[in-house]
Amino acid sequence: MHTLSIPTWIIHVSSVIEWIVAIWLIWTYGELTNNRSWWGLALAMLPALVSAMCACTWHYFDNAPSLEWLVTLQATMTLVGNFTLWAAAYLIWCSTKSVNTVEPKPIKSEQ
């Protein structure tokens, strides 16, 4: 009853692998651009990865009642991950603001 189908396992495992690759690519982008806020995004993605691994582990052991704490951990990591991703996105947005912005001058109309 609790066993996942092969296609469902493929989706679960490939999603975890995809998330790991995305973390690595974002970290690398941060190194190439010398923008540490991208490193923050890569780190902020880790709670969501833990959440996905909790789900895979629980399903792997056939949703064992003794491992039901993994469901709580998964939900907690999803919540924490949503907030860390929000904070990282905000920091990236802040890093795009130029420190030396010049105020635009109004156009003088000729009269």
N, C-alpha and C. Protein backbone atom coordinates (compact mmCIF):
# COMPACT_ATOMS: atom_id res chain seq x y z
N MET A 1 0.82 -1.20 0.00
CA MET A 1 0.00 0.00 0.00
C MET A 1 0.86 1.26 0.00
N HIS A 2 1.97 1.28 0.73
CA HIS A 2 2.80 2.47 0.85
C HIS A 2 3.94 2.50 -0.16
N THR A 3 4.16 1.42 -0.86
CA THR A 3 5.28 1.35 -1.77
C THR A 3 5.09 2.31 -2.95
N LEU A 4 6.14 3.04 -3.26
CA LEU A 4 6.09 3.97 -4.39
C LEU A 4 6.43 3.23 -5.68
N SER A 5 5.85 3.68 -6.77
CA SER A 5 6.14 3.08 -8.07
C SER A 5 7.54 3.52 -8.53
N ILE A 6 8.07 2.80 -9.48
CA ILE A 6 9.39 3.13 -10.04
C ILE A 6 9.40 4.55 -10.62
N PRO A 7 8.39 4.95 -11.42
CA PRO A 7 8.41 6.33 -11.93
C PRO A 7 8.39 7.37 -10.81
N THR A 8 7.66 7.09 -9.73
CA THR A 8 7.63 8.03 -8.62
C THR A 8 8.99 8.12 -7.95
N TRP A 9 9.68 6.98 -7.80
CA TRP A 9 11.03 6.99 -7.23
C TRP A 9 11.98 7.77 -8.13
N ILE A 10 11.84 7.60 -9.43
CA ILE A 10 12.70 8.34 -10.37
C ILE A 10 12.51 9.84 -10.17
N ILE A 11 11.27 10.28 -10.02
CA ILE A 11 10.99 11.70 -9.79
C ILE A 11 11.60 12.15 -8.47
N HIS A 12 11.42 11.38 -7.40
CA HIS A 12 11.96 11.75 -6.09
C HIS A 12 13.48 11.88 -6.13
N VAL A 13 14.14 10.86 -6.64
CA VAL A 13 15.61 10.85 -6.65
C VAL A 13 16.16 11.91 -7.60
N SER A 14 15.56 12.04 -8.77
CA SER A 14 16.07 13.05 -9.71
C SER A 14 15.86 14.46 -9.18
N SER A 15 14.80 14.69 -8.42
CA SER A 15 14.58 16.01 -7.83
C SER A 15 15.66 16.34 -6.80
N VAL A 16 16.04 15.36 -6.01
CA VAL A 16 17.11 15.57 -5.02
C VAL A 16 18.43 15.85 -5.74
N ILE A 17 18.73 15.08 -6.77
CA ILE A 17 19.96 15.29 -7.53
C ILE A 17 19.95 16.66 -8.19
N GLU A 18 18.81 17.03 -8.76
CA GLU A 18 18.68 18.33 -9.41
C GLU A 18 18.91 19.46 -8.41
N TRP A 19 18.40 19.33 -7.20
CA TRP A 19 18.57 20.36 -6.17
C TRP A 19 20.04 20.48 -5.77
N ILE A 20 20.72 19.34 -5.66
CA ILE A 20 22.15 19.35 -5.31
C ILE A 20 22.94 20.06 -6.41
N VAL A 21 22.63 19.75 -7.66
CA VAL A 21 23.32 20.40 -8.79
C VAL A 21 23.03 21.90 -8.79
N ALA A 22 21.80 22.28 -8.51
CA ALA A 22 21.45 23.70 -8.47
C ALA A 22 22.23 24.43 -7.38
N ILE A 23 22.36 23.81 -6.22
CA ILE A 23 23.15 24.41 -5.13
C ILE A 23 24.59 24.62 -5.59
N TRP A 24 25.17 23.61 -6.21
CA TRP A 24 26.55 23.70 -6.68
C TRP A 24 26.70 24.79 -7.75
N LEU A 25 25.75 24.86 -8.69
CA LEU A 25 25.84 25.87 -9.75
C LEU A 25 25.70 27.28 -9.19
N ILE A 26 24.80 27.47 -8.24
CA ILE A 26 24.62 28.79 -7.65
C ILE A 26 25.86 29.19 -6.85
N TRP A 27 26.44 28.24 -6.12
CA TRP A 27 27.68 28.52 -5.38
C TRP A 27 28.78 28.94 -6.35
N THR A 28 28.92 28.21 -7.45
CA THR A 28 29.92 28.51 -8.46
C THR A 28 29.69 29.90 -9.07
N TYR A 29 28.43 30.24 -9.33
CA TYR A 29 28.11 31.56 -9.86
C TYR A 29 28.54 32.64 -8.88
N GLY A 30 28.32 32.41 -7.61
CA GLY A 30 28.76 33.36 -6.58
C GLY A 30 30.26 33.55 -6.59
N GLU A 31 31.00 32.45 -6.81
CA GLU A 31 32.46 32.56 -6.89
C GLU A 31 32.89 33.34 -8.12
N LEU A 32 32.25 33.06 -9.25
CA LEU A 32 32.64 33.72 -10.50
C LEU A 32 32.33 35.21 -10.49
N THR A 33 31.26 35.60 -9.84
CA THR A 33 30.86 37.00 -9.82
C THR A 33 31.38 37.75 -8.59
N ASN A 34 32.04 37.02 -7.69
CA ASN A 34 32.50 37.61 -6.43
C ASN A 34 31.35 38.25 -5.65
N ASN A 35 30.20 37.67 -5.73
CA ASN A 35 29.03 38.18 -5.03
C ASN A 35 28.62 37.14 -3.99
N ARG A 36 28.94 37.40 -2.74
CA ARG A 36 28.69 36.43 -1.68
C ARG A 36 27.22 36.20 -1.38
N SER A 37 26.37 37.09 -1.83
CA SER A 37 24.94 36.88 -1.59
C SER A 37 24.43 35.63 -2.32
N TRP A 38 25.09 35.26 -3.42
CA TRP A 38 24.72 34.03 -4.11
C TRP A 38 25.14 32.81 -3.29
N TRP A 39 26.23 32.92 -2.54
CA TRP A 39 26.60 31.83 -1.64
C TRP A 39 25.52 31.67 -0.58
N GLY A 40 24.96 32.81 -0.16
CA GLY A 40 23.88 32.75 0.81
C GLY A 40 22.68 31.99 0.27
N LEU A 41 22.38 32.19 -1.02
CA LEU A 41 21.28 31.45 -1.62
C LEU A 41 21.58 29.95 -1.63
N ALA A 42 22.81 29.60 -1.99
CA ALA A 42 23.18 28.18 -2.01
C ALA A 42 23.01 27.57 -0.62
N LEU A 43 23.45 28.27 0.41
CA LEU A 43 23.30 27.77 1.77
C LEU A 43 21.83 27.74 2.19
N ALA A 44 21.07 28.72 1.74
CA ALA A 44 19.65 28.79 2.09
C ALA A 44 18.85 27.64 1.47
N MET A 45 19.40 27.01 0.44
CA MET A 45 18.73 25.89 -0.21
C MET A 45 18.89 24.58 0.57
N LEU A 46 19.81 24.53 1.51
CA LEU A 46 20.08 23.29 2.24
C LEU A 46 18.91 22.78 3.07
N PRO A 47 18.15 23.62 3.79
CA PRO A 47 17.00 23.07 4.52
C PRO A 47 15.99 22.37 3.60
N ALA A 48 15.77 22.89 2.41
CA ALA A 48 14.85 22.24 1.48
C ALA A 48 15.42 20.89 1.02
N LEU A 49 16.73 20.81 0.88
CA LEU A 49 17.36 19.54 0.53
C LEU A 49 17.18 18.53 1.65
N VAL A 50 17.36 18.96 2.88
CA VAL A 50 17.13 18.07 4.03
C VAL A 50 15.68 17.60 4.04
N SER A 51 14.76 18.50 3.75
CA SER A 51 13.34 18.14 3.69
C SER A 51 13.09 17.04 2.66
N ALA A 52 13.67 17.20 1.48
CA ALA A 52 13.49 16.20 0.42
C ALA A 52 14.10 14.85 0.82
N MET A 53 15.25 14.90 1.48
CA MET A 53 15.89 13.66 1.91
C MET A 53 15.08 12.96 3.01
N CYS A 54 14.42 13.75 3.85
CA CYS A 54 13.54 13.15 4.86
C CYS A 54 12.40 12.39 4.19
N ALA A 55 11.81 13.00 3.18
CA ALA A 55 10.70 12.36 2.47
C ALA A 55 11.16 11.07 1.80
N CYS A 56 12.29 11.12 1.13
CA CYS A 56 12.81 9.92 0.46
C CYS A 56 13.14 8.82 1.46
N THR A 57 13.72 9.20 2.58
CA THR A 57 14.07 8.20 3.60
C THR A 57 12.82 7.55 4.16
N TRP A 58 11.82 8.36 4.47
CA TRP A 58 10.60 7.81 5.04
C TRP A 58 9.92 6.86 4.06
N HIS A 59 9.88 7.23 2.77
CA HIS A 59 9.29 6.34 1.77
C HIS A 59 10.13 5.09 1.56
N TYR A 60 11.45 5.23 1.62
CA TYR A 60 12.33 4.08 1.42
C TYR A 60 12.04 2.99 2.47
N PHE A 61 11.76 3.41 3.69
CA PHE A 61 11.46 2.46 4.76
C PHE A 61 9.95 2.21 4.88
N ASP A 62 9.25 2.37 3.76
CA ASP A 62 7.84 2.02 3.65
C ASP A 62 6.96 2.75 4.65
N ASN A 63 7.27 4.02 4.87
CA ASN A 63 6.47 4.87 5.76
C ASN A 63 6.30 4.25 7.15
N ALA A 64 7.39 3.72 7.68
CA ALA A 64 7.35 3.04 8.98
C ALA A 64 6.88 3.99 10.08
N PRO A 65 5.94 3.54 10.91
CA PRO A 65 5.46 4.40 12.01
C PRO A 65 6.57 4.83 12.96
N SER A 66 7.61 4.01 13.10
CA SER A 66 8.71 4.38 13.99
C SER A 66 9.52 5.56 13.45
N LEU A 67 9.37 5.84 12.16
CA LEU A 67 10.10 6.97 11.54
C LEU A 67 9.17 8.15 11.25
N GLU A 68 8.03 8.17 11.91
CA GLU A 68 7.08 9.25 11.65
C GLU A 68 7.64 10.62 12.03
N TRP A 69 8.64 10.66 12.88
CA TRP A 69 9.28 11.92 13.24
C TRP A 69 9.92 12.58 12.01
N LEU A 70 10.23 11.76 11.00
CA LEU A 70 10.79 12.33 9.76
C LEU A 70 9.78 13.25 9.07
N VAL A 71 8.50 12.94 9.22
CA VAL A 71 7.47 13.78 8.60
C VAL A 71 7.47 15.15 9.27
N THR A 72 7.61 15.17 10.60
CA THR A 72 7.68 16.44 11.32
C THR A 72 8.94 17.20 10.95
N LEU A 73 10.06 16.48 10.85
CA LEU A 73 11.31 17.13 10.45
C LEU A 73 11.20 17.68 9.04
N GLN A 74 10.57 16.92 8.15
CA GLN A 74 10.39 17.40 6.78
C GLN A 74 9.58 18.68 6.74
N ALA A 75 8.48 18.71 7.48
CA ALA A 75 7.63 19.91 7.50
C ALA A 75 8.40 21.09 8.09
N THR A 76 9.16 20.84 9.14
CA THR A 76 9.94 21.91 9.77
C THR A 76 11.00 22.44 8.82
N MET A 77 11.69 21.55 8.14
CA MET A 77 12.74 21.98 7.21
C MET A 77 12.15 22.71 6.01
N THR A 78 10.94 22.33 5.60
CA THR A 78 10.28 23.06 4.52
C THR A 78 9.97 24.48 4.95
N LEU A 79 9.46 24.63 6.17
CA LEU A 79 9.16 25.97 6.70
C LEU A 79 10.43 26.80 6.84
N VAL A 80 11.46 26.22 7.44
CA VAL A 80 12.74 26.92 7.62
C VAL A 80 13.32 27.27 6.24
N GLY A 81 13.25 26.32 5.31
CA GLY A 81 13.78 26.55 3.97
C GLY A 81 13.08 27.67 3.24
N ASN A 82 11.77 27.77 3.41
CA ASN A 82 11.03 28.86 2.76
C ASN A 82 11.51 30.21 3.28
N PHE A 83 11.73 30.32 4.59
CA PHE A 83 12.21 31.58 5.15
C PHE A 83 13.65 31.87 4.76
N THR A 84 14.51 30.84 4.74
CA THR A 84 15.91 31.10 4.37
C THR A 84 16.01 31.48 2.90
N LEU A 85 15.20 30.87 2.05
CA LEU A 85 15.20 31.24 0.63
C LEU A 85 14.69 32.66 0.43
N TRP A 86 13.68 33.04 1.20
CA TRP A 86 13.18 34.41 1.13
C TRP A 86 14.28 35.40 1.54
N ALA A 87 14.95 35.10 2.64
CA ALA A 87 16.01 35.99 3.14
C ALA A 87 17.16 36.08 2.13
N ALA A 88 17.53 34.95 1.53
CA ALA A 88 18.61 34.96 0.55
C ALA A 88 18.22 35.76 -0.69
N ALA A 89 16.97 35.61 -1.13
CA ALA A 89 16.51 36.39 -2.29
C ALA A 89 16.53 37.88 -1.97
N TYR A 90 16.15 38.24 -0.76
CA TYR A 90 16.18 39.64 -0.35
C TYR A 90 17.62 40.17 -0.35
N LEU A 91 18.56 39.36 0.15
CA LEU A 91 19.96 39.80 0.15
C LEU A 91 20.52 39.96 -1.26
N ILE A 92 20.12 39.08 -2.16
CA ILE A 92 20.55 39.23 -3.55
C ILE A 92 19.97 40.51 -4.14
N TRP A 93 18.72 40.77 -3.86
CA TRP A 93 18.08 42.00 -4.34
C TRP A 93 18.80 43.23 -3.80
N CYS A 94 19.12 43.19 -2.51
CA CYS A 94 19.85 44.33 -1.90
C CYS A 94 21.23 44.50 -2.53
N SER A 95 21.87 43.39 -2.90
CA SER A 95 23.21 43.48 -3.47
C SER A 95 23.21 44.08 -4.87
N THR A 96 22.04 44.12 -5.50
CA THR A 96 21.98 44.69 -6.86
C THR A 96 21.82 46.20 -6.84
N LYS A 97 21.51 46.74 -5.68
CA LYS A 97 21.37 48.19 -5.58
C LYS A 97 22.75 48.83 -5.60
N SER A 98 22.93 49.81 -6.44
CA SER A 98 24.21 50.50 -6.53
C SER A 98 24.36 51.46 -5.36
N VAL A 99 25.54 51.48 -4.77
CA VAL A 99 25.82 52.38 -3.65
C VAL A 99 25.95 53.81 -4.13
N ASN A 100 26.47 53.99 -5.31
CA ASN A 100 26.73 55.33 -5.85
C ASN A 100 25.69 55.72 -6.89
N THR A 101 24.44 55.66 -6.53
CA THR A 101 23.43 56.05 -7.50
C THR A 101 23.36 57.57 -7.60
N VAL A 102 23.13 58.05 -8.78
CA VAL A 102 23.03 59.48 -9.02
C VAL A 102 21.56 59.81 -9.18
N GLU A 103 21.14 60.80 -8.47
CA GLU A 103 19.75 61.22 -8.57
C GLU A 103 19.51 61.84 -9.94
N PRO A 104 18.44 61.45 -10.60
CA PRO A 104 18.16 62.05 -11.91
C PRO A 104 17.75 63.51 -11.76
N LYS A 105 18.26 64.32 -12.67
CA LYS A 105 17.92 65.74 -12.65
C LYS A 105 16.67 65.94 -13.49
N PRO A 106 15.80 66.82 -13.02
CA PRO A 106 14.59 67.07 -13.83
C PRO A 106 14.97 67.79 -15.13
N ILE A 107 14.23 67.50 -16.16
CA ILE A 107 14.45 68.13 -17.45
C ILE A 107 13.85 69.54 -17.39
N LYS A 108 14.68 70.52 -17.73
CA LYS A 108 14.20 71.91 -17.71
C LYS A 108 13.47 72.19 -19.01
N SER A 109 12.32 72.72 -18.86
CA SER A 109 11.56 73.06 -20.06
C SER A 109 11.97 74.44 -20.53
N GLU A 110 12.05 74.62 -21.83
CA GLU A 110 12.42 75.92 -22.39
C GLU A 110 11.15 76.77 -22.52
N GLN A 111 11.24 77.98 -22.02
CA GLN A 111 10.08 78.86 -22.11
C GLN A 111 10.44 80.16 -22.73
